[in-house]
């Protein structure tokens, strides 16, 4: 009996629907108890009536889809609609159907809820909306000190630092969760790397600098775009890496051993690749195929985090690439006497999740639409019975989306 009781309490301590801990700065929704004078409301479309360009950019972003995103909805259903997820995916209090008054026994999965009389279901659909970052205490906050506007404004230093991103993009580990750097370890990766030491911030890559007016007819000033492109955009991943495929000679003879090297460099990301959600990973694949398309030899390497999820969370190994680091992947194949039709195919692919995870979301957790979750970053194919360039592929990246340290 004593063993059963002990097991129950250990299970209750370990078991939770969330894979991260709770930090004070995102444990509560952003309150909206003081309307902003001078504007009709804080819906994104209302902000866009003056800030048109920013509004149009926001509409294309994953911030605007943070709540309606099919992946989020499926994962949230899997996690039994745990309340804490909404504090990042719909951060404003009027976007949430309940108010959290406390936690029973201090347990995150046992919230004390009350109906929210100001809940706005349409506003919830906006996800991470303009007000999520810019509205506090009835004032519009931003990165400028000299704004003339029909509403009260206030300079907030967090817009010129990484603090504005930290709240949701660096969640801590919880009890019995032994990650290296937390479940989404982007910030410690960035702060340990060379970009941070050069004075760069997240916005330099994810909110590129632009000169324009904040409102139609207003003064032109240095601002930032509001796209926040990241791990769901293959073009962003392509900009982060340099891939070079080389062979040890230009021409192979039948019976010879052919040697190839794929050099993969994290040349454009200030954090490790992949980063963020621990389900993300890269595959580096070599295939030799014959004229009929049959695979004669296959070699696949993986770059990712390996995590044991039960009974406690333990990160056992990871081999991701740090900023400016390079890894070489080697492949050998002895050519047969007849090389007619033989091809080498080499590819780098980026995966949001495994195929089994994707199918599970479909079959068990209501993912009812097809969502892109595997992206080919580069793929090269050439014949093995023809002259081969020493460099068969070179995808150079100067990180054009990052424009250096800015205020």
Protein backbone atom coordinates (compact mmCIF):
# COMPACT_ATOMS: atom_id res chain seq x y z
CA UNK A 1 0.00 0.00 0.00
CA UNK A 2 2.82 2.39 0.92
CA UNK A 3 4.54 1.63 -2.38
CA UNK A 4 1.32 2.39 -4.29
CA UNK A 5 0.90 5.73 -2.50
CA UNK A 6 4.53 6.64 -3.13
CA UNK A 7 4.16 5.71 -6.81
CA UNK A 8 1.03 7.88 -7.08
CA UNK A 9 2.75 10.96 -5.69
CA UNK A 10 5.83 10.44 -7.88
CA UNK A 11 3.56 9.99 -10.91
CA UNK A 12 1.67 13.18 -10.07
CA UNK A 13 4.96 15.07 -9.77
CA UNK A 14 6.31 13.76 -13.05
CA UNK A 15 3.19 13.58 -15.20
CA UNK A 16 1.98 16.73 -16.90
CA UNK A 17 0.44 17.70 -20.20
CA UNK A 18 3.16 20.28 -20.79
CA UNK A 19 6.82 19.70 -21.64
CA UNK A 20 8.12 22.92 -20.12
CA UNK A 21 8.07 24.81 -16.84
CA UNK A 22 6.32 28.05 -15.94
CA UNK A 23 8.11 31.36 -15.56
CA UNK A 24 6.47 34.37 -13.92
CA UNK A 25 6.62 36.62 -16.99
CA UNK A 26 4.41 34.32 -19.08
CA UNK A 27 2.30 32.77 -16.36
CA UNK A 28 -0.49 35.32 -16.91
CA UNK A 29 -2.24 36.78 -19.93
CA UNK A 30 -1.54 40.40 -20.84
CA UNK A 31 -4.27 42.46 -19.14
CA UNK A 32 -6.38 45.00 -21.02
CA UNK A 33 -8.21 46.93 -18.35
CA UNK A 34 -7.43 50.43 -19.66
CA UNK A 35 -8.70 51.21 -23.17
CA UNK A 36 -6.31 53.27 -25.27
CA UNK A 37 -7.66 56.82 -25.76
CA UNK A 38 -7.82 58.16 -29.31
CA UNK A 39 -8.38 54.86 -31.13
CA UNK A 40 -11.55 52.81 -31.66
CA UNK A 41 -10.01 49.56 -30.40
CA UNK A 42 -7.00 47.27 -30.43
CA UNK A 43 -7.99 44.78 -33.12
CA UNK A 44 -5.26 44.35 -35.74
CA UNK A 45 -7.47 45.71 -38.51
CA UNK A 46 -8.08 48.84 -36.46
CA UNK A 47 -4.34 49.32 -36.03
CA UNK A 48 -3.93 48.71 -39.75
CA UNK A 49 -6.17 51.62 -40.67
CA UNK A 50 -3.14 53.84 -39.99
CA UNK A 51 -0.22 51.39 -40.00
CA UNK A 52 -1.12 49.76 -43.32
CA UNK A 53 2.26 48.33 -44.35
CA UNK A 54 2.92 46.77 -40.94
CA UNK A 55 -0.59 45.33 -40.83
CA UNK A 56 -0.19 43.71 -44.27
CA UNK A 57 3.10 42.14 -43.19
CA UNK A 58 1.62 40.88 -39.94
CA UNK A 59 -1.24 39.19 -41.84
CA UNK A 60 1.29 36.97 -43.67
CA UNK A 61 3.15 36.02 -40.49
CA UNK A 62 2.89 33.01 -38.22
CA UNK A 63 2.21 35.43 -35.38
CA UNK A 64 -1.16 36.18 -36.97
CA UNK A 65 -1.81 32.42 -37.25
CA UNK A 66 -0.55 31.46 -33.80
CA UNK A 67 -4.00 30.31 -32.68
CA UNK A 68 -5.54 29.03 -35.93
CA UNK A 69 -2.40 27.19 -37.09
CA UNK A 70 -3.48 23.55 -37.68
CA UNK A 71 -0.32 22.22 -36.01
CA UNK A 72 -0.99 24.26 -32.89
CA UNK A 73 -4.61 23.16 -32.73
CA UNK A 74 -3.63 19.48 -33.09
CA UNK A 75 -0.87 19.71 -30.50
CA UNK A 76 -3.10 21.67 -28.14
CA UNK A 77 -5.77 18.99 -28.46
CA UNK A 78 -3.09 16.38 -27.74
CA UNK A 79 -2.16 18.34 -24.61
CA UNK A 80 -5.81 18.40 -23.51
CA UNK A 81 -6.16 22.13 -24.14
CA UNK A 82 -3.86 23.06 -21.29
CA UNK A 83 -4.44 26.74 -20.46
CA UNK A 84 -0.81 27.91 -20.38
CA UNK A 85 -0.38 27.52 -24.16
CA UNK A 86 -2.75 30.42 -24.75
CA UNK A 87 -0.50 32.84 -22.89
CA UNK A 88 1.83 32.77 -25.88
CA UNK A 89 -0.56 31.86 -28.71
CA UNK A 90 -3.29 34.34 -27.71
CA UNK A 91 -1.52 36.55 -25.16
CA UNK A 92 -4.16 39.23 -24.53
CA UNK A 93 -6.64 38.63 -21.73
CA UNK A 94 -9.72 39.40 -23.89
CA UNK A 95 -8.57 36.63 -26.24
CA UNK A 96 -8.96 33.93 -23.59
CA UNK A 97 -12.28 32.38 -22.51
CA UNK A 98 -11.28 32.07 -18.87
CA UNK A 99 -9.37 33.85 -16.16
CA UNK A 100 -6.84 31.83 -14.18
CA UNK A 101 -7.32 32.61 -10.50
CA UNK A 102 -4.66 30.23 -9.22
CA UNK A 103 -3.38 26.67 -9.35
CA UNK A 104 -4.73 23.88 -7.21
CA UNK A 105 -1.84 22.58 -5.18
CA UNK A 106 0.48 24.71 -7.31
CA UNK A 107 0.06 22.27 -10.21
CA UNK A 108 0.01 23.78 -13.69
CA UNK A 109 -2.42 21.14 -14.95
CA UNK A 110 -4.92 21.98 -12.18
CA UNK A 111 -5.89 25.63 -12.85
CA UNK A 112 -8.63 27.41 -10.95
CA UNK A 113 -10.69 28.95 -13.76
CA UNK A 114 -13.36 31.60 -13.92
CA UNK A 115 -15.32 32.68 -16.97
CA UNK A 116 -13.85 35.77 -18.66
CA UNK A 117 -16.68 38.31 -19.14
CA UNK A 118 -14.57 40.23 -21.69
CA UNK A 119 -13.71 37.23 -23.85
CA UNK A 120 -13.82 38.04 -27.59
CA UNK A 121 -13.78 34.90 -29.77
CA UNK A 122 -13.05 36.87 -32.94
CA UNK A 123 -10.14 38.64 -31.27
CA UNK A 124 -8.78 35.25 -30.25
CA UNK A 125 -8.44 34.30 -33.91
CA UNK A 126 -5.81 37.03 -34.34
CA UNK A 127 -3.25 35.07 -32.32
CA UNK A 128 -0.23 37.21 -31.53
CA UNK A 129 -1.80 40.48 -32.52
CA UNK A 130 -0.47 44.06 -32.49
CA UNK A 131 -1.62 44.68 -28.93
CA UNK A 132 0.25 41.61 -27.67
CA UNK A 133 3.51 43.53 -27.89
CA UNK A 134 2.46 47.18 -28.08
CA UNK A 135 -0.45 47.80 -25.65
CA UNK A 136 0.25 48.19 -21.95
CA UNK A 137 -1.73 50.18 -19.34
CA UNK A 138 -3.77 52.08 -21.93
CA UNK A 139 -0.66 53.23 -23.81
CA UNK A 140 0.88 52.21 -27.14
CA UNK A 141 4.50 51.25 -26.50
CA UNK A 142 7.23 51.05 -29.11
CA UNK A 143 10.91 51.62 -29.94
CA UNK A 144 10.71 55.42 -30.49
CA UNK A 145 10.81 58.33 -28.06
CA UNK A 146 9.54 61.11 -30.36
CA UNK A 147 6.24 59.86 -31.77
CA UNK A 148 3.37 62.25 -32.45
CA UNK A 149 0.16 60.24 -32.58
CA UNK A 150 -3.58 60.56 -31.84
CA UNK A 151 -3.13 58.06 -29.01
CA UNK A 152 -0.77 58.08 -26.02
CA UNK A 153 2.64 56.55 -26.77
CA UNK A 154 5.60 55.50 -24.69
CA UNK A 155 9.13 54.34 -25.43
CA UNK A 156 9.91 50.83 -24.16
CA UNK A 157 13.51 49.63 -24.17
CA UNK A 158 12.51 45.99 -24.69
CA UNK A 159 11.79 46.68 -28.37
CA UNK A 160 15.50 47.35 -28.96
CA UNK A 161 16.68 44.21 -27.17
CA UNK A 162 15.96 40.49 -27.21
CA UNK A 163 13.60 40.91 -24.24
CA UNK A 164 10.60 41.40 -26.54
CA UNK A 165 11.12 37.86 -27.93
CA UNK A 166 12.37 36.11 -24.80
CA UNK A 167 9.04 35.77 -23.00
CA UNK A 168 7.61 33.19 -25.40
CA UNK A 169 10.65 31.94 -27.31
CA UNK A 170 12.64 30.70 -24.31
CA UNK A 171 10.56 28.61 -21.98
CA UNK A 172 12.25 26.91 -19.02
CA UNK A 173 12.35 23.25 -18.09
CA UNK A 174 9.88 21.97 -15.52
CA UNK A 175 10.31 19.45 -12.70
CA UNK A 176 11.78 16.13 -13.84
CA UNK A 177 12.67 17.67 -17.22
CA UNK A 178 16.36 17.42 -18.01
CA UNK A 179 16.87 19.28 -21.26
CA UNK A 180 20.12 20.87 -22.36
CA UNK A 181 19.12 24.53 -22.32
CA UNK A 182 15.36 23.96 -22.04
CA UNK A 183 12.78 22.52 -24.44
CA UNK A 184 13.28 25.37 -26.93
CA UNK A 185 16.86 26.43 -26.30
CA UNK A 186 17.21 29.21 -28.87
CA UNK A 187 18.23 31.94 -26.42
CA UNK A 188 21.12 30.17 -24.66
CA UNK A 189 22.33 29.04 -28.10
CA UNK A 190 22.22 32.62 -29.36
CA UNK A 191 23.79 34.15 -26.26
CA UNK A 192 26.68 31.66 -26.39
CA UNK A 193 27.37 32.41 -30.04
CA UNK A 194 29.27 34.97 -32.11
CA UNK A 195 26.28 37.02 -33.31
CA UNK A 196 25.34 38.01 -29.76
CA UNK A 197 28.94 38.99 -29.06
CA UNK A 198 28.83 41.27 -32.10
CA UNK A 199 25.86 43.13 -30.64
CA UNK A 200 23.16 41.61 -32.83
CA UNK A 201 19.63 40.91 -31.59
CA UNK A 202 16.87 38.57 -32.78
CA UNK A 203 15.23 41.35 -34.77
CA UNK A 204 18.27 41.78 -37.05
CA UNK A 205 17.36 38.53 -38.81
CA UNK A 206 13.67 38.02 -38.01
CA UNK A 207 12.50 41.65 -38.37
CA UNK A 208 14.75 43.09 -41.10
CA UNK A 209 15.45 46.81 -40.98
CA UNK A 210 13.61 49.09 -43.40
CA UNK A 211 13.26 52.83 -43.96
CA UNK A 212 9.65 53.94 -44.33
CA UNK A 213 6.84 55.90 -42.75
CA UNK A 214 5.02 54.31 -39.84
CA UNK A 215 1.78 55.81 -41.14
CA UNK A 216 0.73 57.11 -44.52
CA UNK A 217 2.19 60.59 -44.98
CA UNK A 218 4.31 60.40 -41.84
CA UNK A 219 8.06 61.02 -41.62
CA UNK A 220 10.39 58.37 -43.01
CA UNK A 221 12.41 56.69 -40.28
CA UNK A 222 14.36 53.51 -39.61
CA UNK A 223 11.92 50.76 -38.71
CA UNK A 224 11.51 47.03 -38.96
CA UNK A 225 9.46 44.66 -41.04
CA UNK A 226 6.88 42.55 -39.22
CA UNK A 227 7.21 39.15 -40.90
CA UNK A 228 9.08 37.15 -38.21
CA UNK A 229 10.10 34.49 -40.72
CA UNK A 230 11.52 31.42 -38.99
CA UNK A 231 11.45 27.65 -38.81
CA UNK A 232 8.30 27.16 -40.92
CA UNK A 233 9.74 29.01 -43.92
CA UNK A 234 12.14 26.97 -46.11
CA UNK A 235 13.61 30.13 -47.64
CA UNK A 236 14.72 31.21 -44.17
CA UNK A 237 16.37 27.82 -43.60
CA UNK A 238 18.12 28.02 -46.98
CA UNK A 239 19.56 31.39 -46.04
CA UNK A 240 20.92 29.96 -42.82
CA UNK A 241 23.04 27.21 -44.39
CA UNK A 242 25.82 26.77 -46.90
CA UNK A 243 25.96 23.40 -48.64
CA UNK A 244 28.92 22.25 -50.73
CA UNK A 245 29.18 18.84 -52.34
CA UNK A 246 32.63 17.73 -53.53
CA UNK A 247 34.16 14.62 -55.08
CA UNK A 248 37.78 13.47 -54.88
CA UNK A 249 38.27 13.42 -58.65
CA UNK A 250 36.62 14.60 -61.82
CA UNK A 251 36.20 11.23 -63.51
CA UNK A 252 35.68 7.77 -62.02
CA UNK A 253 36.61 4.53 -63.73
CA UNK A 254 34.64 1.27 -63.40
CA UNK A 255 35.73 -0.64 -60.31
CA UNK A 256 37.09 2.45 -58.54
CA UNK A 257 35.99 3.70 -55.13
CA UNK A 258 34.21 7.05 -55.49
CA UNK A 259 34.45 9.40 -52.53
CA UNK A 260 32.11 12.32 -51.91
CA UNK A 261 31.85 14.90 -49.14
CA UNK A 262 28.89 17.11 -48.34
CA UNK A 263 29.97 20.12 -46.28
CA UNK A 264 27.14 21.67 -44.29
CA UNK A 265 27.81 25.01 -42.58
CA UNK A 266 25.58 27.06 -40.28
CA UNK A 267 26.59 30.26 -42.03
CA UNK A 268 23.57 32.48 -41.42
CA UNK A 269 21.84 31.63 -38.12
CA UNK A 270 22.85 33.12 -34.79
CA UNK A 271 21.65 29.99 -32.96
CA UNK A 272 22.03 26.28 -33.59
CA UNK A 273 20.28 24.62 -36.50
CA UNK A 274 17.68 23.32 -36.15
CA UNK A 275 16.39 25.29 -33.18
CA UNK A 276 13.09 25.90 -31.42
CA UNK A 277 10.70 22.96 -31.21
CA UNK A 278 12.74 19.86 -30.25
CA UNK A 279 10.90 17.80 -32.87
CA UNK A 280 12.69 19.60 -35.73
CA UNK A 281 15.60 17.93 -37.50
CA UNK A 282 17.67 17.69 -40.70
CA UNK A 283 18.42 14.63 -42.82
CA UNK A 284 21.48 14.43 -45.04
CA UNK A 285 21.01 11.70 -47.65
CA UNK A 286 23.20 10.06 -50.30
CA UNK A 287 21.65 7.66 -52.82
CA UNK A 288 23.06 5.76 -55.76
CA UNK A 289 20.29 4.86 -58.23
CA UNK A 290 20.36 2.93 -61.49
CA UNK A 291 18.66 3.76 -64.76
CA UNK A 292 15.43 2.15 -63.58
CA UNK A 293 15.36 4.31 -60.48
CA UNK A 294 16.26 1.47 -58.09
CA UNK A 295 18.28 2.57 -55.08
CA UNK A 296 21.53 0.58 -54.98
CA UNK A 297 23.02 2.23 -51.92
CA UNK A 298 21.52 4.56 -49.35
CA UNK A 299 23.17 6.49 -46.54
CA UNK A 300 21.22 8.86 -44.29
CA UNK A 301 22.51 10.97 -41.41
CA UNK A 302 20.37 12.97 -39.01
CA UNK A 303 21.03 16.27 -37.22
CA UNK A 304 18.73 16.74 -34.24
CA UNK A 305 18.08 16.36 -30.51
CA UNK A 306 17.39 12.89 -29.08
CA UNK A 307 15.04 13.06 -26.09
CA UNK A 308 13.48 10.39 -23.88
CA UNK A 309 9.97 11.61 -22.99
CA UNK A 310 8.87 9.08 -20.38
CA UNK A 311 8.84 8.50 -17.42
CA UNK A 312 10.89 11.70 -17.11
CA UNK A 313 12.18 13.96 -19.88
CA UNK A 314 15.89 13.46 -20.52
CA UNK A 315 17.85 14.86 -23.45
CA UNK A 316 20.41 12.14 -24.08
CA UNK A 317 22.26 13.53 -27.10
CA UNK A 318 22.24 16.24 -29.75
CA UNK A 319 24.42 16.94 -32.77
CA UNK A 320 23.04 20.22 -34.07
CA UNK A 321 25.31 22.82 -35.68
CA UNK A 322 26.33 25.89 -33.70
CA UNK A 323 26.62 29.27 -35.46
CA UNK A 324 29.45 29.31 -38.04
CA UNK A 325 30.23 25.63 -37.41
CA UNK A 326 30.67 23.12 -40.24
CA UNK A 327 30.20 19.37 -40.44
CA UNK A 328 31.40 17.10 -43.24
CA UNK A 329 29.36 14.06 -44.30
CA UNK A 330 31.32 11.43 -46.25
CA UNK A 331 30.00 8.86 -48.70
CA UNK A 332 31.80 6.07 -50.57
CA UNK A 333 30.65 3.87 -53.42
CA UNK A 334 32.63 1.36 -55.45
CA UNK A 335 31.57 1.62 -59.07
CA UNK A 336 30.61 -1.60 -60.86
CA UNK A 337 32.05 -2.54 -64.24
CA UNK A 338 28.92 -1.21 -65.93
CA UNK A 339 28.24 2.36 -64.84
CA UNK A 340 25.67 3.16 -67.52
CA UNK A 341 22.70 5.03 -66.05
CA UNK A 342 24.13 5.22 -62.51
CA UNK A 343 23.44 8.47 -60.67
CA UNK A 344 24.41 9.93 -57.33
CA UNK A 345 21.74 11.95 -55.56
CA UNK A 346 22.59 14.02 -52.48
CA UNK A 347 20.08 16.06 -50.52
CA UNK A 348 19.57 18.06 -47.33
CA UNK A 349 16.02 18.12 -45.98
CA UNK A 350 14.49 19.97 -43.04
CA UNK A 351 11.69 18.30 -41.07
CA UNK A 352 9.19 19.97 -38.76
CA UNK A 353 8.49 16.52 -37.28
CA UNK A 354 8.76 12.84 -38.15
CA UNK A 355 6.27 11.18 -40.46
CA UNK A 356 4.99 9.03 -37.59
CA UNK A 357 4.36 12.15 -35.49
CA UNK A 358 2.56 13.77 -38.40
CA UNK A 359 0.34 10.72 -38.97
CA UNK A 360 -0.44 10.56 -35.25
CA UNK A 361 -1.62 14.17 -35.29
CA UNK A 362 -3.88 13.25 -38.21
CA UNK A 363 -5.31 10.03 -36.82
CA UNK A 364 -5.59 10.87 -33.13
CA UNK A 365 -5.62 14.63 -32.72
CA UNK A 366 -7.70 16.04 -35.54
CA UNK A 367 -5.12 17.43 -37.98
CA UNK A 368 -7.59 17.49 -40.86
CA UNK A 369 -5.60 19.44 -43.48
CA UNK A 370 -2.33 18.65 -45.21
CA UNK A 371 0.37 20.93 -43.81
CA UNK A 372 3.89 21.17 -45.28
CA UNK A 373 6.27 19.60 -42.79
CA UNK A 374 9.25 18.43 -44.89
CA UNK A 375 11.28 20.89 -46.98
CA UNK A 376 14.10 20.12 -49.41
CA UNK A 377 16.86 22.63 -48.72
CA UNK A 378 19.12 21.43 -51.51
CA UNK A 379 19.27 18.42 -53.83
CA UNK A 380 21.92 17.51 -56.40
CA UNK A 381 22.00 14.67 -58.91
CA UNK A 382 24.63 13.74 -61.46
CA UNK A 383 25.72 10.75 -63.55
CA UNK A 384 28.61 8.64 -62.31
CA UNK A 385 29.82 7.69 -65.80
CA UNK A 386 30.38 11.31 -66.82
CA UNK A 387 32.93 13.92 -65.74
CA UNK A 388 32.07 15.32 -62.31
CA UNK A 389 32.97 18.84 -61.23
CA UNK A 390 35.11 19.02 -58.09
CA UNK A 391 32.37 21.14 -56.57
CA UNK A 392 29.10 19.63 -57.69
CA UNK A 393 27.00 22.05 -55.63
CA UNK A 394 27.65 25.26 -53.76
CA UNK A 395 24.84 27.17 -52.12
CA UNK A 396 26.47 30.26 -50.65
CA UNK A 397 24.78 32.28 -47.95
CA UNK A 398 25.75 35.75 -46.83
CA UNK A 399 22.74 35.88 -44.53
CA UNK A 400 21.07 38.64 -46.61
CA UNK A 401 18.08 38.72 -44.26
CA UNK A 402 20.29 39.82 -41.38
CA UNK A 403 21.41 43.42 -41.55
CA UNK A 404 23.70 43.80 -38.59
CA UNK A 405 23.35 45.43 -35.20
CA UNK A 406 20.63 48.04 -34.98
CA UNK A 407 19.04 49.94 -32.16
